[in-house]
Amino acid sequence: MKQVSPFMLAIEDICEEKGLDKSIILETVEAALAAAYRKDYGKAKQIIRAKLDPETGHAEMFRIYDIIEDPEEIKEHEHELTLDEAKEIDKTAEIGKEVIVPLPHQEEFGRIAAQTAKQVIIQRIREAERDLLFTEFKDKENKIVNATVSQIEGRNVIVTLGKVNGILYPSEQIQSERYHLGQRLKVQVKEVSQSVKGPQIIVSRSDENLIRGLFEIEVPEILAGTVEIKNIAREAGYRTKIAVIATEEKIDPVGSCVGQRGTRVQAVLDEIGLEKIDIVLWDEDVEQFIMNALSPAKTRQISISSKDNKATVYVDTDNLSLAIGKNGQNVRLASKLTGWGIDIKPLEDREADSENVEEEKSEVKKKTTVKKEKVAPKRTKKSVKAKK
């Protein structure tokens, strides 16, 4: 029974600790040893291959030849042999197969091999760890993770996400928030890319998907599929509108998201601070959906124009400011949520607008009649000329 060398035991411990595949490490070490052997004891164009014993860690070196038909190419390629030359080494040699020749053991190579293997293993472990972290967080894109503020560089905030850091750029921050070292918060993994130093992870607190993810955490019906979030419109730090629908008749989608005594929506609000959230019912009927989206304002009448994708909504005068919202925020978010341009007007303007529409129709009708009258005499004149 072969005795396992301390070298191989160390590799096994490292692989187990780092969660790495032992075969990948061994292949990398073999490639490095072969390159080191060729550099010290071979020539640049030779093909050298190393084979590590997985138990003893002893490395055997081999030179590899390819068998070709054209003998003229031998002068330019040191790793090629003719079939006749190959059969002198291996009687079973055939065109298209490799000829493997063992190389002599070099006493000095043991020290070089140990140094080379150590450097390669360290480098490979770093690369493998970076690859594992990249794969792990690539699968978490658009998902919510826990983070801790570890560093503040100017306006950029560095957060710890376990074994790797993420960066919260100013554009991804909630403007009203102030961050401090050690602060714990939830962030959305917005983008994961690979770089020389490892995975670069951009996280967000202002993205609409943060709201989506927080509701998925707090509302089991969303994960179960009985309640669906159709759309979200958000102005981070100020207000969010979320449109929901139930996939089962007995489910109240708005009530499910609000929770008993508002506990579910309050849990989301606790995470995002002073931001307000309006949860409205999504509807296939455009008019009804627009009216729902303008909640908490109550609308009286609505007129839509499918041609330019715009809607005019009429409300009572005392409800006008609520429908528009502070700095136009309510109507702006409702427009974004529904995908329709929305114009808010007091109900008193409804009659005036109707009269203007009727006048426009009348003017169009008059112009059409005049054009017809102008055209008729010309046809008569041409007819008279034809008779002459």
Protein backbone atom coordinates (compact mmCIF):
# COMPACT_ATOMS: atom_id res chain seq x y z
CA MET A 1 0.00 0.00 0.00
CA LYS A 2 1.36 3.38 -1.03
CA GLN A 3 1.91 5.95 1.68
CA VAL A 4 0.15 9.26 1.04
CA SER A 5 2.67 12.07 0.97
CA PRO A 6 2.30 15.22 3.13
CA PHE A 7 2.19 17.18 -0.13
CA MET A 8 -0.93 15.37 -1.38
CA LEU A 9 -2.54 15.48 2.08
CA ALA A 10 -2.05 19.26 2.08
CA ILE A 11 -3.71 19.53 -1.35
CA GLU A 12 -6.65 17.44 -0.14
CA ASP A 13 -7.08 19.63 2.95
CA ILE A 14 -6.99 22.81 0.87
CA CYS A 15 -9.51 21.46 -1.62
CA GLU A 16 -11.88 20.42 1.17
CA GLU A 17 -11.54 23.74 2.99
CA LYS A 18 -12.02 25.87 -0.14
CA GLY A 19 -14.62 23.63 -1.75
CA LEU A 20 -12.42 23.00 -4.79
CA ASP A 21 -12.20 19.99 -7.11
CA LYS A 22 -8.97 18.07 -6.42
CA SER A 23 -8.66 16.95 -10.06
CA ILE A 24 -8.54 20.58 -11.22
CA ILE A 25 -5.69 21.37 -8.82
CA LEU A 26 -3.75 18.25 -9.89
CA GLU A 27 -4.17 19.03 -13.60
CA THR A 28 -2.93 22.56 -13.03
CA VAL A 29 0.10 21.36 -11.06
CA GLU A 30 0.93 18.77 -13.75
CA ALA A 31 0.82 21.45 -16.46
CA ALA A 32 3.12 23.70 -14.39
CA LEU A 33 5.60 20.90 -13.69
CA ALA A 34 5.75 19.98 -17.38
CA ALA A 35 6.44 23.61 -18.32
CA ALA A 36 9.20 23.84 -15.68
CA TYR A 37 10.82 20.59 -16.87
CA ARG A 38 10.76 21.70 -20.52
CA LYS A 39 12.33 25.03 -19.58
CA ASP A 40 15.25 23.49 -17.61
CA TYR A 41 15.82 20.16 -19.37
CA GLY A 42 14.12 20.32 -22.76
CA LYS A 43 13.55 22.57 -25.77
CA ALA A 44 10.88 25.18 -26.49
CA LYS A 45 8.93 23.22 -29.14
CA GLN A 46 8.94 19.90 -27.34
CA ILE A 47 5.71 18.56 -25.84
CA ILE A 48 6.33 17.54 -22.22
CA ARG A 49 3.66 15.95 -20.06
CA ALA A 50 3.74 15.35 -16.28
CA LYS A 51 1.82 12.70 -14.38
CA LEU A 52 1.35 13.01 -10.62
CA ASP A 53 0.72 9.98 -8.46
CA PRO A 54 -2.43 10.97 -6.49
CA GLU A 55 -1.13 9.21 -3.36
CA THR A 56 2.64 9.69 -3.22
CA GLY A 57 2.76 12.98 -5.12
CA HIS A 58 5.69 11.64 -7.18
CA ALA A 59 5.84 13.17 -10.66
CA GLU A 60 6.86 11.25 -13.78
CA MET A 61 7.77 13.17 -16.92
CA PHE A 62 7.07 12.12 -20.53
CA ARG A 63 7.85 13.46 -23.96
CA ILE A 64 5.01 13.29 -26.48
CA TYR A 65 5.39 12.75 -30.24
CA ASP A 66 2.82 12.91 -33.02
CA ILE A 67 3.04 10.47 -35.94
CA ILE A 68 2.87 11.96 -39.44
CA GLU A 69 3.07 10.69 -43.03
CA ASP A 70 5.20 13.45 -44.59
CA PRO A 71 8.85 13.10 -43.43
CA GLU A 72 9.74 16.58 -44.71
CA GLU A 73 7.92 18.22 -41.84
CA ILE A 74 10.20 16.59 -39.25
CA LYS A 75 12.85 19.24 -39.74
CA GLU A 76 10.49 21.99 -38.53
CA HIS A 77 8.58 20.15 -35.79
CA GLU A 78 10.55 18.45 -33.02
CA HIS A 79 7.46 16.75 -31.62
CA GLU A 80 6.71 14.77 -34.80
CA LEU A 81 7.95 11.39 -36.04
CA THR A 82 7.45 9.35 -39.18
CA LEU A 83 5.66 6.04 -38.80
CA ASP A 84 8.93 4.10 -39.22
CA GLU A 85 10.66 6.15 -36.52
CA ALA A 86 7.69 5.76 -34.23
CA LYS A 87 7.65 1.93 -34.65
CA GLU A 88 11.28 1.81 -33.47
CA ILE A 89 10.02 3.23 -30.17
CA ASP A 90 6.62 1.53 -30.05
CA LYS A 91 5.78 -1.37 -32.36
CA THR A 92 2.03 -0.68 -31.98
CA ALA A 93 2.42 2.90 -33.23
CA GLU A 94 -0.14 4.11 -35.81
CA ILE A 95 -0.71 7.32 -37.74
CA GLY A 96 -2.90 9.64 -35.70
CA LYS A 97 -1.78 8.24 -32.36
CA GLU A 98 0.71 9.62 -29.85
CA VAL A 99 4.05 8.10 -28.95
CA ILE A 100 4.85 8.53 -25.27
CA VAL A 101 8.50 8.38 -24.20
CA PRO A 102 9.45 8.42 -20.46
CA LEU A 103 12.02 11.07 -19.55
CA PRO A 104 14.86 10.58 -17.07
CA HIS A 105 14.43 11.73 -13.50
CA GLN A 106 16.47 14.83 -12.68
CA GLU A 107 17.78 15.15 -9.12
CA GLU A 108 17.69 18.95 -9.12
CA PHE A 109 14.18 19.00 -10.45
CA GLY A 110 12.68 17.96 -7.09
CA ARG A 111 13.40 21.35 -5.49
CA ILE A 112 12.24 23.25 -8.61
CA ALA A 113 9.08 21.13 -8.80
CA ALA A 114 8.20 21.84 -5.17
CA GLN A 115 8.54 25.61 -5.63
CA THR A 116 6.63 25.54 -8.91
CA ALA A 117 3.84 23.42 -7.47
CA LYS A 118 3.48 25.72 -4.45
CA GLN A 119 3.17 28.85 -6.61
CA VAL A 120 0.74 27.20 -9.01
CA ILE A 121 -1.46 25.84 -6.23
CA ILE A 122 -1.68 29.24 -4.51
CA GLN A 123 -2.54 30.94 -7.79
CA ARG A 124 -5.04 28.28 -8.78
CA ILE A 125 -6.77 28.45 -5.39
CA ARG A 126 -7.20 32.19 -5.79
CA GLU A 127 -8.61 31.77 -9.30
CA ALA A 128 -10.92 28.95 -8.21
CA GLU A 129 -12.22 30.97 -5.27
CA ARG A 130 -12.92 33.93 -7.56
CA ASP A 131 -14.72 31.63 -10.00
CA LEU A 132 -16.83 30.11 -7.22
CA LEU A 133 -17.81 33.52 -5.86
CA PHE A 134 -18.63 34.78 -9.34
CA THR A 135 -20.85 31.76 -10.06
CA GLU A 136 -22.53 32.04 -6.66
CA PHE A 137 -23.44 35.71 -7.03
CA LYS A 138 -24.21 35.51 -10.74
CA ASP A 139 -27.08 33.23 -9.73
CA LYS A 140 -28.20 35.89 -7.23
CA GLU A 141 -28.61 38.72 -9.76
CA ASN A 142 -31.88 40.62 -9.15
CA LYS A 143 -32.26 38.90 -5.79
CA ILE A 144 -32.18 40.35 -2.27
CA VAL A 145 -29.22 39.63 0.04
CA ASN A 146 -28.12 40.83 3.47
CA ALA A 147 -25.24 43.29 3.58
CA THR A 148 -23.15 45.16 6.14
CA VAL A 149 -21.58 48.55 5.50
CA SER A 150 -17.81 48.01 5.82
CA GLN A 151 -16.34 51.12 4.21
CA ILE A 152 -17.39 54.54 2.92
CA GLU A 153 -15.27 56.00 0.11
CA GLY A 154 -16.55 59.45 -0.73
CA ARG A 155 -20.09 58.91 -1.97
CA ASN A 156 -19.51 55.21 -2.70
CA VAL A 157 -20.49 52.70 -0.02
CA ILE A 158 -18.68 49.34 0.23
CA VAL A 159 -20.77 46.54 1.73
CA THR A 160 -19.76 43.06 2.86
CA LEU A 161 -21.73 40.18 1.31
CA GLY A 162 -20.11 37.30 3.17
CA LYS A 163 -16.83 36.38 1.47
CA VAL A 164 -16.96 39.17 -1.07
CA ASN A 165 -17.66 42.89 -1.15
CA GLY A 166 -20.23 44.78 -3.16
CA ILE A 167 -20.36 48.45 -4.11
CA LEU A 168 -23.33 50.76 -3.65
CA TYR A 169 -22.89 53.67 -6.06
CA PRO A 170 -24.62 57.04 -5.39
CA SER A 171 -27.06 56.37 -8.26
CA GLU A 172 -28.14 53.14 -6.51
CA GLN A 173 -28.62 54.71 -3.08
CA ILE A 174 -31.79 56.05 -1.52
CA GLN A 175 -30.97 59.74 -1.45
CA SER A 176 -32.60 60.36 1.92
CA GLU A 177 -30.60 57.57 3.60
CA ARG A 178 -27.41 58.09 5.58
CA TYR A 179 -25.04 55.12 5.89
CA HIS A 180 -22.63 54.30 8.72
CA LEU A 181 -20.03 51.58 9.41
CA GLY A 182 -21.51 48.34 10.68
CA GLN A 183 -25.00 49.20 9.44
CA ARG A 184 -27.00 46.16 8.33
CA LEU A 185 -29.35 46.44 5.41
CA LYS A 186 -30.89 44.50 2.54
CA VAL A 187 -29.69 45.19 -0.99
CA GLN A 188 -30.57 43.98 -4.45
CA VAL A 189 -27.75 42.33 -6.43
CA LYS A 190 -28.03 44.39 -9.61
CA GLU A 191 -25.02 43.33 -11.68
CA VAL A 192 -22.19 40.79 -11.33
CA SER A 193 -19.16 40.88 -13.61
CA GLN A 194 -15.76 39.17 -13.59
CA SER A 195 -12.57 41.21 -13.22
CA VAL A 196 -8.87 40.52 -12.66
CA LYS A 197 -9.30 41.02 -8.92
CA GLY A 198 -12.36 38.81 -8.74
CA PRO A 199 -16.12 39.30 -9.11
CA GLN A 200 -17.31 42.90 -9.15
CA ILE A 201 -20.77 43.17 -7.60
CA ILE A 202 -22.97 46.24 -7.95
CA VAL A 203 -25.79 46.39 -5.42
CA SER A 204 -28.78 48.69 -5.26
CA ARG A 205 -31.17 50.22 -2.73
CA SER A 206 -33.07 52.35 -5.26
CA ASP A 207 -34.02 49.75 -7.87
CA GLU A 208 -37.67 48.74 -8.28
CA ASN A 209 -36.67 45.08 -7.91
CA LEU A 210 -35.68 45.75 -4.28
CA ILE A 211 -39.36 46.40 -3.54
CA ARG A 212 -40.34 43.29 -5.50
CA GLY A 213 -37.85 41.15 -3.56
CA LEU A 214 -38.90 42.53 -0.17
CA PHE A 215 -42.55 41.72 -0.88
CA GLU A 216 -41.57 38.23 -2.02
CA ILE A 217 -39.89 37.74 1.36
CA GLU A 218 -42.84 39.05 3.37
CA VAL A 219 -45.79 37.73 1.31
CA PRO A 220 -45.88 33.91 0.98
CA GLU A 221 -48.68 34.15 -1.60
CA ILE A 222 -46.29 35.80 -4.06
CA LEU A 223 -43.78 32.94 -3.86
CA ALA A 224 -46.65 30.45 -4.03
CA GLY A 225 -47.87 32.11 -7.23
CA THR A 226 -51.38 32.93 -5.99
CA VAL A 227 -50.55 36.64 -5.98
CA GLU A 228 -48.58 38.23 -8.82
CA ILE A 229 -46.82 41.59 -8.97
CA LYS A 230 -47.70 42.97 -12.41
CA ASN A 231 -45.71 46.19 -12.31
CA ILE A 232 -43.85 48.60 -10.01
CA ALA A 233 -43.26 52.34 -10.33
CA ARG A 234 -40.83 53.85 -7.86
CA GLU A 235 -39.19 57.11 -6.88
CA ALA A 236 -36.75 55.78 -4.29
CA GLY A 237 -37.00 57.37 -0.87
CA TYR A 238 -40.31 59.07 -1.61
CA ARG A 239 -43.04 56.85 -3.02
CA THR A 240 -43.75 53.54 -4.76
CA LYS A 241 -46.82 52.22 -6.52
CA ILE A 242 -47.20 48.48 -6.96
CA ALA A 243 -49.90 46.78 -9.05
CA VAL A 244 -50.93 43.27 -7.99
CA ILE A 245 -53.40 40.63 -9.13
CA ALA A 246 -54.61 37.29 -7.75
CA THR A 247 -54.42 34.09 -9.79
CA GLU A 248 -57.14 32.50 -7.64
CA GLU A 249 -60.62 33.93 -7.12
CA LYS A 250 -60.75 33.67 -3.32
CA ILE A 251 -57.46 35.55 -2.83
CA ASP A 252 -57.42 39.28 -2.07
CA PRO A 253 -54.11 40.41 -3.63
CA VAL A 254 -54.04 43.86 -2.01
CA GLY A 255 -54.98 42.47 1.39
CA SER A 256 -52.35 39.74 1.09
CA CYS A 257 -49.62 42.34 0.49
CA VAL A 258 -50.85 44.65 3.25
CA GLY A 259 -51.16 41.84 5.79
CA GLN A 260 -53.16 41.66 8.97
CA ARG A 261 -53.16 45.15 10.52
CA GLY A 262 -50.60 46.15 7.90
CA THR A 263 -47.83 43.96 9.29
CA ARG A 264 -46.49 42.79 5.91
CA VAL A 265 -46.29 46.15 4.21
CA GLN A 266 -44.91 47.64 7.43
CA ALA A 267 -42.04 45.12 7.37
CA VAL A 268 -41.16 46.37 3.89
CA LEU A 269 -41.45 50.00 4.99
CA ASP A 270 -39.15 49.34 7.95
CA GLU A 271 -36.47 48.28 5.49
CA ILE A 272 -36.72 51.30 3.16
CA GLY A 273 -37.33 54.09 5.68
CA LEU A 274 -39.78 56.93 5.09
CA GLU A 275 -40.83 55.86 1.59
CA LYS A 276 -44.60 55.50 1.04
CA ILE A 277 -46.11 52.50 -0.75
CA ASP A 278 -49.45 52.41 -2.61
CA ILE A 279 -50.69 48.89 -3.38
CA VAL A 280 -53.32 48.90 -6.12
CA LEU A 281 -55.29 46.28 -7.99
CA TRP A 282 -54.21 45.58 -11.57
CA ASP A 283 -57.06 45.41 -14.07
CA GLU A 284 -57.28 44.38 -17.73
CA ASP A 285 -59.64 47.28 -18.34
CA VAL A 286 -57.39 50.27 -19.02
CA GLU A 287 -59.81 52.86 -17.63
CA GLN A 288 -60.27 50.95 -14.37
CA PHE A 289 -56.52 50.32 -14.02
CA ILE A 290 -55.75 54.03 -14.46
CA MET A 291 -58.37 54.91 -11.84
CA ASN A 292 -56.86 52.32 -9.46
CA ALA A 293 -53.34 53.61 -10.11
CA LEU A 294 -54.32 57.15 -9.06
CA SER A 295 -55.26 55.87 -5.58
CA PRO A 296 -55.69 57.24 -2.94
CA ALA A 297 -57.34 59.95 -5.07
CA LYS A 298 -60.92 59.28 -6.16
CA THR A 299 -61.73 59.87 -9.82
CA ARG A 300 -65.11 60.79 -11.29
CA GLN A 301 -64.76 60.36 -15.04
CA ILE A 302 -62.09 59.30 -17.51
CA SER A 303 -61.59 59.74 -21.23
CA ILE A 304 -58.91 57.78 -23.07
CA SER A 305 -57.37 58.16 -26.50
CA SER A 306 -55.84 54.93 -27.78
CA LYS A 307 -54.35 56.76 -30.75
CA ASP A 308 -51.79 58.71 -28.68
CA ASN A 309 -51.97 56.47 -25.56
CA LYS A 310 -53.21 59.27 -23.33
CA ALA A 311 -55.95 59.57 -20.75
CA THR A 312 -57.76 62.59 -19.32
CA VAL A 313 -59.04 62.01 -15.80
CA TYR A 314 -61.61 64.27 -14.17
CA VAL A 315 -61.78 64.62 -10.39
CA ASP A 316 -63.62 66.78 -7.91
CA THR A 317 -61.92 70.10 -7.21
CA ASP A 318 -61.20 69.20 -3.58
CA ASN A 319 -59.53 65.98 -4.81
CA LEU A 320 -57.39 67.64 -7.48
CA SER A 321 -54.24 68.18 -5.41
CA LEU A 322 -54.36 64.61 -4.08
CA ALA A 323 -54.70 63.18 -7.59
CA ILE A 324 -51.77 65.21 -8.86
CA GLY A 325 -49.66 64.70 -5.75
CA LYS A 326 -46.76 66.72 -4.39
CA ASN A 327 -44.77 68.07 -7.34
CA GLY A 328 -46.92 65.86 -9.61
CA GLN A 329 -45.60 62.68 -8.02
CA ASN A 330 -48.88 60.74 -7.77
CA VAL A 331 -49.92 61.23 -11.39
CA ARG A 332 -46.33 60.69 -12.58
CA LEU A 333 -46.05 57.31 -10.83
CA ALA A 334 -49.54 56.30 -11.98
CA SER A 335 -48.53 57.10 -15.55
CA LYS A 336 -45.38 55.02 -15.21
CA LEU A 337 -47.28 52.15 -13.60
CA THR A 338 -49.95 51.98 -16.30
CA GLY A 339 -47.85 53.00 -19.31
CA TRP A 340 -50.38 55.71 -20.21
CA GLY A 341 -49.94 59.48 -20.30
CA ILE A 342 -52.35 60.93 -17.73
CA ASP A 343 -53.76 64.46 -17.58
CA ILE A 344 -55.67 65.45 -14.42
CA LYS A 345 -58.48 68.01 -14.70
CA PRO A 346 -61.26 69.26 -12.42
CA LEU A 347 -64.70 67.88 -13.14
CA GLU A 348 -65.95 71.39 -14.07
CA ASP A 349 -63.76 71.27 -17.18
CA ARG A 350 -65.56 68.18 -18.47
CA GLU A 351 -68.43 70.15 -20.10
CA ALA A 352 -66.06 72.71 -21.64
CA ASP A 353 -63.88 69.93 -23.06
CA SER A 354 -66.97 68.23 -24.51
CA GLU A 355 -68.06 71.47 -26.18
CA ASN A 356 -64.57 71.96 -27.64
CA VAL A 357 -64.64 68.45 -29.05
CA GLU A 358 -68.03 69.09 -30.65
CA GLU A 359 -66.80 72.37 -32.12
CA GLU A 360 -63.73 70.66 -33.56
CA LYS A 361 -65.91 67.98 -35.13
CA SER A 362 -68.20 70.69 -36.58
CA GLU A 363 -65.25 72.60 -38.03
CA VAL A 364 -63.88 69.45 -39.64
CA LYS A 365 -67.31 68.72 -41.11
CA LYS A 366 -67.61 72.27 -42.56
CA LYS A 367 -64.14 72.10 -44.16
CA THR A 368 -65.00 68.77 -45.74
CA THR A 369 -68.24 70.23 -47.22
CA VAL A 370 -66.45 73.28 -48.64
CA LYS A 371 -63.85 71.12 -50.35
CA LYS A 372 -66.56 69.06 -52.00
CA GLU A 373 -68.28 72.23 -53.28
CA LYS A 374 -65.04 73.55 -54.78
CA VAL A 375 -64.36 70.32 -56.59
CA ALA A 376 -67.81 70.00 -58.18
CA PRO A 377 -67.65 73.05 -60.59
CA LYS A 378 -64.30 71.94 -61.99
CA ARG A 379 -65.73 68.65 -63.11
CA THR A 380 -68.65 70.51 -64.86
CA LYS A 381 -66.25 72.83 -66.69
CA LYS A 382 -64.20 69.97 -68.01
CA SER A 383 -67.40 68.29 -69.19
CA VAL A 384 -68.43 71.43 -71.19
CA LYS A 385 -65.07 71.66 -72.88
CA ALA A 386 -65.34 68.10 -73.96
CA LYS A 387 -68.65 68.82 -75.74
CA LYS A 388 -67.15 71.75 -77.66
